[in-house]
Amino acid sequence: MNRTELERVRQWADEKLATGAEPPWAWFQYMKLRETLDAILAGMAATTMESSQRSETRRGARLRLVASIDQQDTAQLRPADSPVLLPM
């Protein structure tokens, strides 16, 4: 669901709560739904804001090729005629 749909469901729950005609068990469920939607919407706002700020700071930064200083062919080889010891 996107933000607009979540806000629409929250508005529906608010309307149900405003009537006062719901039984206590239903009222409790609508309140839980409203609190959950508030938390989700707040989380969406926080992550959207954080990711947009992060992308602004990274706009100038690009990937660049760096020379490798790790030498892969320097491992010492075991002599071919020595036996391999296996655990027992």
PDB file of N, CA and C in Angstrom:
ATOM      1  N   MET A   1       0.846  -1.178   0.000  1.00  0.00           N
ATOM      2  CA  MET A   1       0.000   0.000   0.000  1.00  0.00           C
ATOM      3  C   MET A   1       0.892   1.241   0.000  1.00  0.00           C
ATOM      4  N   ASN A   2       0.450   2.247  -0.693  1.00  0.00           N
ATOM      5  CA  ASN A   2       1.211   3.477  -0.685  1.00  0.00           C
ATOM      6  C   ASN A   2       0.671   4.417   0.396  1.00  0.00           C
ATOM      7  N   ARG A   3       1.323   5.550   0.540  1.00  0.00           N
ATOM      8  CA  ARG A   3       0.987   6.492   1.603  1.00  0.00           C
ATOM      9  C   ARG A   3      -0.471   6.976   1.510  1.00  0.00           C
ATOM     10  N   THR A   4      -0.937   7.254   0.315  1.00  0.00           N
ATOM     11  CA  THR A   4      -2.305   7.751   0.132  1.00  0.00           C
ATOM     12  C   THR A   4      -3.335   6.729   0.603  1.00  0.00           C
ATOM     13  N   GLU A   5      -3.132   5.479   0.259  1.00  0.00           N
ATOM     14  CA  GLU A   5      -4.065   4.431   0.682  1.00  0.00           C
ATOM     15  C   GLU A   5      -4.054   4.252   2.190  1.00  0.00           C
ATOM     16  N   LEU A   6      -2.863   4.309   2.801  1.00  0.00           N
ATOM     17  CA  LEU A   6      -2.777   4.177   4.253  1.00  0.00           C
ATOM     18  C   LEU A   6      -3.481   5.343   4.949  1.00  0.00           C
ATOM     19  N   GLU A   7      -3.323   6.537   4.407  1.00  0.00           N
ATOM     20  CA  GLU A   7      -4.007   7.699   4.992  1.00  0.00           C
ATOM     21  C   GLU A   7      -5.523   7.581   4.838  1.00  0.00           C
ATOM     22  N   ARG A   8      -5.969   7.005   3.725  1.00  0.00           N
ATOM     23  CA  ARG A   8      -7.406   6.810   3.519  1.00  0.00           C
ATOM     24  C   ARG A   8      -7.971   5.809   4.535  1.00  0.00           C
ATOM     25  N   VAL A   9      -7.239   4.731   4.803  1.00  0.00           N
ATOM     26  CA  VAL A   9      -7.688   3.746   5.798  1.00  0.00           C
ATOM     27  C   VAL A   9      -7.704   4.375   7.184  1.00  0.00           C
ATOM     28  N   ARG A  10      -6.695   5.204   7.478  1.00  0.00           N
ATOM     29  CA  ARG A  10      -6.658   5.878   8.784  1.00  0.00           C
ATOM     30  C   ARG A  10      -7.862   6.813   8.939  1.00  0.00           C
ATOM     31  N   GLN A  11      -8.210   7.541   7.877  1.00  0.00           N
ATOM     32  CA  GLN A  11      -9.376   8.430   7.908  1.00  0.00           C
ATOM     33  C   GLN A  11     -10.651   7.619   8.137  1.00  0.00           C
ATOM     34  N   TRP A  12     -10.758   6.461   7.515  1.00  0.00           N
ATOM     35  CA  TRP A  12     -11.921   5.592   7.709  1.00  0.00           C
ATOM     36  C   TRP A  12     -12.023   5.145   9.159  1.00  0.00           C
ATOM     37  N   ALA A  13     -10.891   4.762   9.745  1.00  0.00           N
ATOM     38  CA  ALA A  13     -10.883   4.345  11.152  1.00  0.00           C
ATOM     39  C   ALA A  13     -11.271   5.517  12.054  1.00  0.00           C
ATOM     40  N   ASP A  14     -10.795   6.711  11.735  1.00  0.00           N
ATOM     41  CA  ASP A  14     -11.165   7.900  12.525  1.00  0.00           C
ATOM     42  C   ASP A  14     -12.665   8.160  12.453  1.00  0.00           C
ATOM     43  N   GLU A  15     -13.243   7.977  11.269  1.00  0.00           N
ATOM     44  CA  GLU A  15     -14.692   8.176  11.118  1.00  0.00           C
ATOM     45  C   GLU A  15     -15.477   7.165  11.933  1.00  0.00           C
ATOM     46  N   LYS A  16     -15.020   5.917  11.944  1.00  0.00           N
ATOM     47  CA  LYS A  16     -15.686   4.887  12.738  1.00  0.00           C
ATOM     48  C   LYS A  16     -15.620   5.229  14.222  1.00  0.00           C
ATOM     49  N   LEU A  17     -14.467   5.730  14.670  1.00  0.00           N
ATOM     50  CA  LEU A  17     -14.304   6.088  16.075  1.00  0.00           C
ATOM     51  C   LEU A  17     -15.148   7.305  16.446  1.00  0.00           C
ATOM     52  N   ALA A  18     -15.300   8.238  15.505  1.00  0.00           N
ATOM     53  CA  ALA A  18     -16.033   9.476  15.783  1.00  0.00           C
ATOM     54  C   ALA A  18     -17.528   9.245  15.972  1.00  0.00           C
ATOM     55  N   THR A  19     -18.075   8.186  15.377  1.00  0.00           N
ATOM     56  CA  THR A  19     -19.523   7.959  15.503  1.00  0.00           C
ATOM     57  C   THR A  19     -19.904   7.589  16.921  1.00  0.00           C
ATOM     58  N   GLY A  20     -19.039   6.881  17.627  1.00  0.00           N
ATOM     59  CA  GLY A  20     -19.349   6.457  18.989  1.00  0.00           C
ATOM     60  C   GLY A  20     -20.343   5.323  19.050  1.00  0.00           C
ATOM     61  N   ALA A  21     -20.707   4.758  17.906  1.00  0.00           N
ATOM     62  CA  ALA A  21     -21.712   3.704  17.863  1.00  0.00           C
ATOM     63  C   ALA A  21     -21.093   2.310  17.860  1.00  0.00           C
ATOM     64  N   GLU A  22     -19.807   2.221  17.869  1.00  0.00           N
ATOM     65  CA  GLU A  22     -19.142   0.926  17.810  1.00  0.00           C
ATOM     66  C   GLU A  22     -19.099   0.280  19.188  1.00  0.00           C
ATOM     67  N   PRO A  23     -19.219  -1.046  19.270  1.00  0.00           N
ATOM     68  CA  PRO A  23     -19.097  -1.732  20.561  1.00  0.00           C
ATOM     69  C   PRO A  23     -17.661  -1.598  21.073  1.00  0.00           C
ATOM     70  N   PRO A  24     -17.458  -1.791  22.380  1.00  0.00           N
ATOM     71  CA  PRO A  24     -16.126  -1.589  22.961  1.00  0.00           C
ATOM     72  C   PRO A  24     -15.033  -2.421  22.301  1.00  0.00           C
ATOM     73  N   TRP A  25     -15.320  -3.671  21.936  1.00  0.00           N
ATOM     74  CA  TRP A  25     -14.280  -4.493  21.313  1.00  0.00           C
ATOM     75  C   TRP A  25     -13.887  -3.941  19.950  1.00  0.00           C
ATOM     76  N   ALA A  26     -14.864  -3.420  19.179  1.00  0.00           N
ATOM     77  CA  ALA A  26     -14.574  -2.852  17.864  1.00  0.00           C
ATOM     78  C   ALA A  26     -13.816  -1.534  18.010  1.00  0.00           C
ATOM     79  N   TRP A  27     -14.212  -0.728  18.990  1.00  0.00           N
ATOM     80  CA  TRP A  27     -13.527   0.540  19.232  1.00  0.00           C
ATOM     81  C   TRP A  27     -12.055   0.293  19.525  1.00  0.00           C
ATOM     82  N   PHE A  28     -11.780  -0.721  20.333  1.00  0.00           N
ATOM     83  CA  PHE A  28     -10.395  -1.058  20.670  1.00  0.00           C
ATOM     84  C   PHE A  28      -9.617  -1.461  19.411  1.00  0.00           C
ATOM     85  N   GLN A  29     -10.240  -2.241  18.540  1.00  0.00           N
ATOM     86  CA  GLN A  29      -9.573  -2.670  17.307  1.00  0.00           C
ATOM     87  C   GLN A  29      -9.307  -1.487  16.374  1.00  0.00           C
ATOM     88  N   TYR A  30     -10.269  -0.555  16.285  1.00  0.00           N
ATOM     89  CA  TYR A  30     -10.057   0.639  15.459  1.00  0.00           C
ATOM     90  C   TYR A  30      -8.914   1.493  16.016  1.00  0.00           C
ATOM     91  N   MET A  31      -8.825   1.570  17.332  1.00  0.00           N
ATOM     92  CA  MET A  31      -7.727   2.338  17.940  1.00  0.00           C
ATOM     93  C   MET A  31      -6.383   1.683  17.641  1.00  0.00           C
ATOM     94  N   LYS A  32      -6.325   0.356  17.724  1.00  0.00           N
ATOM     95  CA  LYS A  32      -5.081  -0.342  17.389  1.00  0.00           C
ATOM     96  C   LYS A  32      -4.712  -0.116  15.926  1.00  0.00           C
ATOM     97  N   LEU A  33      -5.707  -0.157  15.043  1.00  0.00           N
ATOM     98  CA  LEU A  33      -5.469   0.085  13.629  1.00  0.00           C
ATOM     99  C   LEU A  33      -4.933   1.498  13.413  1.00  0.00           C
ATOM    100  N   ARG A  34      -5.553   2.448  14.069  1.00  0.00           N
ATOM    101  CA  ARG A  34      -5.119   3.852  13.927  1.00  0.00           C
ATOM    102  C   ARG A  34      -3.690   4.044  14.431  1.00  0.00           C
ATOM    103  N   GLU A  35      -3.352   3.480  15.582  1.00  0.00           N
ATOM    104  CA  GLU A  35      -2.003   3.599  16.128  1.00  0.00           C
ATOM    105  C   GLU A  35      -0.976   2.928  15.221  1.00  0.00           C
ATOM    106  N   THR A  36      -1.348   1.781  14.672  1.00  0.00           N
ATOM    107  CA  THR A  36      -0.437   1.076  13.766  1.00  0.00           C
ATOM    108  C   THR A  36      -0.207   1.886  12.497  1.00  0.00           C
ATOM    109  N   LEU A  37      -1.281   2.437  11.938  1.00  0.00           N
ATOM    110  CA  LEU A  37      -1.139   3.257  10.737  1.00  0.00           C
ATOM    111  C   LEU A  37      -0.299   4.498  11.013  1.00  0.00           C
ATOM    112  N   ASP A  38      -0.483   5.110  12.187  1.00  0.00           N
ATOM    113  CA  ASP A  38       0.344   6.265  12.564  1.00  0.00           C
ATOM    114  C   ASP A  38       1.822   5.884  12.591  1.00  0.00           C
ATOM    115  N   ALA A  39       2.128   4.731  13.156  1.00  0.00           N
ATOM    116  CA  ALA A  39       3.522   4.277  13.232  1.00  0.00           C
ATOM    117  C   ALA A  39       4.089   3.999  11.839  1.00  0.00           C
ATOM    118  N   ILE A  40       3.303   3.369  10.991  1.00  0.00           N
ATOM    119  CA  ILE A  40       3.769   3.072   9.630  1.00  0.00           C
ATOM    120  C   ILE A  40       4.001   4.358   8.852  1.00  0.00           C
ATOM    121  N   LEU A  41       3.058   5.286   8.933  1.00  0.00           N
ATOM    122  CA  LEU A  41       3.199   6.552   8.210  1.00  0.00           C
ATOM    123  C   LEU A  41       4.390   7.356   8.722  1.00  0.00           C
ATOM    124  N   ALA A  42       4.608   7.337  10.036  1.00  0.00           N
ATOM    125  CA  ALA A  42       5.772   8.039  10.589  1.00  0.00           C
ATOM    126  C   ALA A  42       7.065   7.390  10.120  1.00  0.00           C
ATOM    127  N   GLY A  43       7.084   6.065  10.060  1.00  0.00           N
ATOM    128  CA  GLY A  43       8.263   5.365   9.568  1.00  0.00           C
ATOM    129  C   GLY A  43       8.520   5.657   8.103  1.00  0.00           C
ATOM    130  N   MET A  44       7.462   5.729   7.314  1.00  0.00           N
ATOM    131  CA  MET A  44       7.621   6.051   5.895  1.00  0.00           C
ATOM    132  C   MET A  44       8.180   7.457   5.728  1.00  0.00           C
ATOM    133  N   ALA A  45       7.699   8.391   6.533  1.00  0.00           N
ATOM    134  CA  ALA A  45       8.190   9.770   6.444  1.00  0.00           C
ATOM    135  C   ALA A  45       9.652   9.848   6.851  1.00  0.00           C
ATOM    136  N   ALA A  46      10.029   9.104   7.881  1.00  0.00           N
ATOM    137  CA  ALA A  46      11.417   9.143   8.356  1.00  0.00           C
ATOM    138  C   ALA A  46      12.366   8.531   7.344  1.00  0.00           C
ATOM    139  N   THR A  47      11.994   7.407   6.760  1.00  0.00           N
ATOM    140  CA  THR A  47      12.897   6.769   5.805  1.00  0.00           C
ATOM    141  C   THR A  47      12.969   7.543   4.508  1.00  0.00           C
ATOM    142  N   THR A  48      11.881   8.149   4.096  1.00  0.00           N
ATOM    143  CA  THR A  48      11.902   8.957   2.878  1.00  0.00           C
ATOM    144  C   THR A  48      12.784  10.163   3.078  1.00  0.00           C
ATOM    145  N   MET A  49      12.667  10.802   4.226  1.00  0.00           N
ATOM    146  CA  MET A  49      13.463  11.989   4.505  1.00  0.00           C
ATOM    147  C   MET A  49      14.941  11.625   4.594  1.00  0.00           C
ATOM    148  N   GLU A  50      15.258  10.538   5.288  1.00  0.00           N
ATOM    149  CA  GLU A  50      16.650  10.131   5.467  1.00  0.00           C
ATOM    150  C   GLU A  50      17.279   9.735   4.141  1.00  0.00           C
ATOM    151  N   SER A  51      16.562   8.973   3.327  1.00  0.00           N
ATOM    152  CA  SER A  51      17.135   8.534   2.058  1.00  0.00           C
ATOM    153  C   SER A  51      17.305   9.702   1.096  1.00  0.00           C
ATOM    154  N   SER A  52      16.408  10.687   1.125  1.00  0.00           N
ATOM    155  CA  SER A  52      16.567  11.832   0.235  1.00  0.00           C
ATOM    156  C   SER A  52      17.735  12.699   0.672  1.00  0.00           C
ATOM    157  N   GLN A  53      17.963  12.820   1.979  1.00  0.00           N
ATOM    158  CA  GLN A  53      19.119  13.576   2.460  1.00  0.00           C
ATOM    159  C   GLN A  53      20.401  12.854   2.085  1.00  0.00           C
ATOM    160  N   ARG A  54      20.415  11.544   2.202  1.00  0.00           N
ATOM    161  CA  ARG A  54      21.593  10.761   1.874  1.00  0.00           C
ATOM    162  C   ARG A  54      21.904  10.868   0.383  1.00  0.00           C
ATOM    163  N   SER A  55      20.875  10.853  -0.455  1.00  0.00           N
ATOM    164  CA  SER A  55      21.120  10.939  -1.892  1.00  0.00           C
ATOM    165  C   SER A  55      21.632  12.314  -2.278  1.00  0.00           C
ATOM    166  N   GLU A  56      21.225  13.362  -1.557  1.00  0.00           N
ATOM    167  CA  GLU A  56      21.734  14.697  -1.837  1.00  0.00           C
ATOM    168  C   GLU A  56      23.218  14.796  -1.532  1.00  0.00           C
ATOM    169  N   THR A  57      23.654  14.158  -0.446  1.00  0.00           N
ATOM    170  CA  THR A  57      25.064  14.230  -0.095  1.00  0.00           C
ATOM    171  C   THR A  57      25.914  13.382  -1.016  1.00  0.00           C
ATOM    172  N   ARG A  58      25.338  12.371  -1.645  1.00  0.00           N
ATOM    173  CA  ARG A  58      26.102  11.479  -2.514  1.00  0.00           C
ATOM    174  C   ARG A  58      26.082  11.898  -3.976  1.00  0.00           C
ATOM    175  N   ARG A  59      25.365  12.932  -4.313  1.00  0.00           N
ATOM    176  CA  ARG A  59      25.252  13.294  -5.725  1.00  0.00           C
ATOM    177  C   ARG A  59      26.608  13.558  -6.355  1.00  0.00           C
ATOM    178  N   GLY A  60      27.512  14.211  -5.634  1.00  0.00           N
ATOM    179  CA  GLY A  60      28.822  14.510  -6.181  1.00  0.00           C
ATOM    180  C   GLY A  60      29.749  13.313  -6.181  1.00  0.00           C
ATOM    181  N   ALA A  61      29.475  12.359  -5.353  1.00  0.00           N
ATOM    182  CA  ALA A  61      30.356  11.193  -5.233  1.00  0.00           C
ATOM    183  C   ALA A  61      30.005  10.174  -6.313  1.00  0.00           C
ATOM    184  N   ARG A  62      31.008   9.702  -7.000  1.00  0.00           N
ATOM    185  CA  ARG A  62      30.827   8.686  -8.028  1.00  0.00           C
ATOM    186  C   ARG A  62      31.734   7.505  -7.712  1.00  0.00           C
ATOM    187  N   LEU A  63      31.440   6.376  -8.284  1.00  0.00           N
ATOM    188  CA  LEU A  63      32.324   5.232  -8.153  1.00  0.00           C
ATOM    189  C   LEU A  63      33.576   5.493  -8.963  1.00  0.00           C
ATOM    190  N   ARG A  64      34.697   5.055  -8.456  1.00  0.00           N
ATOM    191  CA  ARG A  64      35.932   5.244  -9.198  1.00  0.00           C
ATOM    192  C   ARG A  64      36.748   3.964  -9.133  1.00  0.00           C
ATOM    193  N   LEU A  65      37.528   3.742 -10.155  1.00  0.00           N
ATOM    194  CA  LEU A  65      38.363   2.566 -10.236  1.00  0.00           C
ATOM    195  C   LEU A  65      39.630   2.818  -9.434  1.00  0.00           C
ATOM    196  N   VAL A  66      39.949   1.889  -8.561  1.00  0.00           N
ATOM    197  CA  VAL A  66      41.123   2.022  -7.703  1.00  0.00           C
ATOM    198  C   VAL A  66      42.041   0.846  -7.993  1.00  0.00           C
ATOM    199  N   ALA A  67      43.337   1.119  -8.058  1.00  0.00           N
ATOM    200  CA  ALA A  67      44.301   0.046  -8.323  1.00  0.00           C
ATOM    201  C   ALA A  67      44.326  -0.903  -7.141  1.00  0.00           C
ATOM    202  N   SER A  68      44.418  -2.181  -7.430  1.00  0.00           N
ATOM    203  CA  SER A  68      44.451  -3.188  -6.381  1.00  0.00           C
ATOM    204  C   SER A  68      45.880  -3.373  -5.893  1.00  0.00           C
ATOM    205  N   ILE A  69      46.060  -3.362  -4.575  1.00  0.00           N
ATOM    206  CA  ILE A  69      47.389  -3.594  -4.015  1.00  0.00           C
ATOM    207  C   ILE A  69      47.499  -5.014  -3.469  1.00  0.00           C
ATOM    208  N   ASP A  70      46.401  -5.748  -3.545  1.00  0.00           N
ATOM    209  CA  ASP A  70      46.387  -7.132  -3.074  1.00  0.00           C
ATOM    210  C   ASP A  70      46.966  -8.029  -4.157  1.00  0.00           C
ATOM    211  N   GLN A  71      48.001  -8.742  -3.829  1.00  0.00           N
ATOM    212  CA  GLN A  71      48.616  -9.624  -4.808  1.00  0.00           C
ATOM    213  C   GLN A  71      48.068 -11.036  -4.606  1.00  0.00           C
ATOM    214  N   GLN A  72      47.381 -11.520  -5.594  1.00  0.00           N
ATOM    215  CA  GLN A  72      46.697 -12.794  -5.469  1.00  0.00           C
ATOM    216  C   GLN A  72      47.606 -13.992  -5.689  1.00  0.00           C
ATOM    217  N   ASP A  73      48.694 -13.839  -6.390  1.00  0.00           N
ATOM    218  CA  ASP A  73      49.541 -14.980  -6.746  1.00  0.00           C
ATOM    219  C   ASP A  73      50.726 -15.150  -5.803  1.00  0.00           C
ATOM    220  N   THR A  74      50.606 -14.730  -4.560  1.00  0.00           N
ATOM    221  CA  THR A  74      51.738 -14.822  -3.633  1.00  0.00           C
ATOM    222  C   THR A  74      51.580 -15.944  -2.623  1.00  0.00           C
ATOM    223  N   ALA A  75      50.552 -16.745  -2.738  1.00  0.00           N
ATOM    224  CA  ALA A  75      50.358 -17.835  -1.784  1.00  0.00           C
ATOM    225  C   ALA A  75      51.449 -18.889  -1.976  1.00  0.00           C
ATOM    226  N   GLN A  76      51.935 -19.405  -0.870  1.00  0.00           N
ATOM    227  CA  GLN A  76      52.979 -20.425  -0.967  1.00  0.00           C
ATOM    228  C   GLN A  76      52.332 -21.768  -1.325  1.00  0.00           C
ATOM    229  N   LEU A  77      52.892 -22.397  -2.332  1.00  0.00           N
ATOM    230  CA  LEU A  77      52.349 -23.676  -2.786  1.00  0.00           C
ATOM    231  C   LEU A  77      52.987 -24.812  -2.006  1.00  0.00           C
ATOM    232  N   ARG A  78      52.209 -25.854  -1.755  1.00  0.00           N
ATOM    233  CA  ARG A  78      52.699 -27.047  -1.083  1.00  0.00           C
ATOM    234  C   ARG A  78      53.425 -27.911  -2.110  1.00  0.00           C
ATOM    235  N   PRO A  79      54.549 -28.450  -1.754  1.00  0.00           N
ATOM    236  CA  PRO A  79      55.254 -29.329  -2.699  1.00  0.00           C
ATOM    237  C   PRO A  79      54.369 -30.520  -3.082  1.00  0.00           C
ATOM    238  N   ALA A  80      54.408 -30.916  -4.320  1.00  0.00           N
ATOM    239  CA  ALA A  80      53.546 -31.969  -4.845  1.00  0.00           C
ATOM    240  C   ALA A  80      53.834 -33.332  -4.231  1.00  0.00           C
ATOM    241  N   ASP A  81      55.072 -33.556  -3.789  1.00  0.00           N
ATOM    242  CA  ASP A  81      55.408 -34.892  -3.279  1.00  0.00           C
ATOM    243  C   ASP A  81      55.176 -35.053  -1.789  1.00  0.00           C
ATOM    244  N   SER A  82      54.781 -33.997  -1.069  1.00  0.00           N
ATOM    245  CA  SER A  82      54.548 -34.146   0.377  1.00  0.00           C
ATOM    246  C   SER A  82      53.153 -34.716   0.616  1.00  0.00           C
ATOM    247  N   PRO A  83      52.983 -35.594   1.599  1.00  0.00           N
ATOM    248  CA  PRO A  83      51.665 -36.210   1.852  1.00  0.00           C
ATOM    249  C   PRO A  83      50.710 -35.211   2.493  1.00  0.00           C
ATOM    250  N   VAL A  84      49.462 -35.422   2.242  1.00  0.00           N
ATOM    251  CA  VAL A  84      48.411 -34.593   2.829  1.00  0.00           C
ATOM    252  C   VAL A  84      47.964 -35.268   4.114  1.00  0.00           C
ATOM    253  N   LEU A  85      48.015 -34.543   5.228  1.00  0.00           N
ATOM    254  CA  LEU A  85      47.614 -35.109   6.523  1.00  0.00           C
ATOM    255  C   LEU A  85      46.119 -34.814   6.750  1.00  0.00           C
ATOM    256  N   LEU A  86      45.370 -35.853   6.964  1.00  0.00           N
ATOM    257  CA  LEU A  86      43.938 -35.712   7.208  1.00  0.00           C
ATOM    258  C   LEU A  86      43.640 -35.998   8.663  1.00  0.00           C
ATOM    259  N   PRO A  87      42.661 -35.312   9.253  1.00  0.00           N
ATOM    260  CA  PRO A  87      42.299 -35.596  10.654  1.00  0.00           C
ATOM    261  C   PRO A  87      41.624 -36.947  10.760  1.00  0.00           C
ATOM    262  N   MET A  88      41.815 -37.595  11.916  1.00  0.00           N
ATOM    263  CA  MET A  88      41.212 -38.927  12.114  1.00  0.00           C
ATOM    264  C   MET A  88      40.068 -38.842  13.059  1.00  0.00           C
TER     265      MET A  88
END
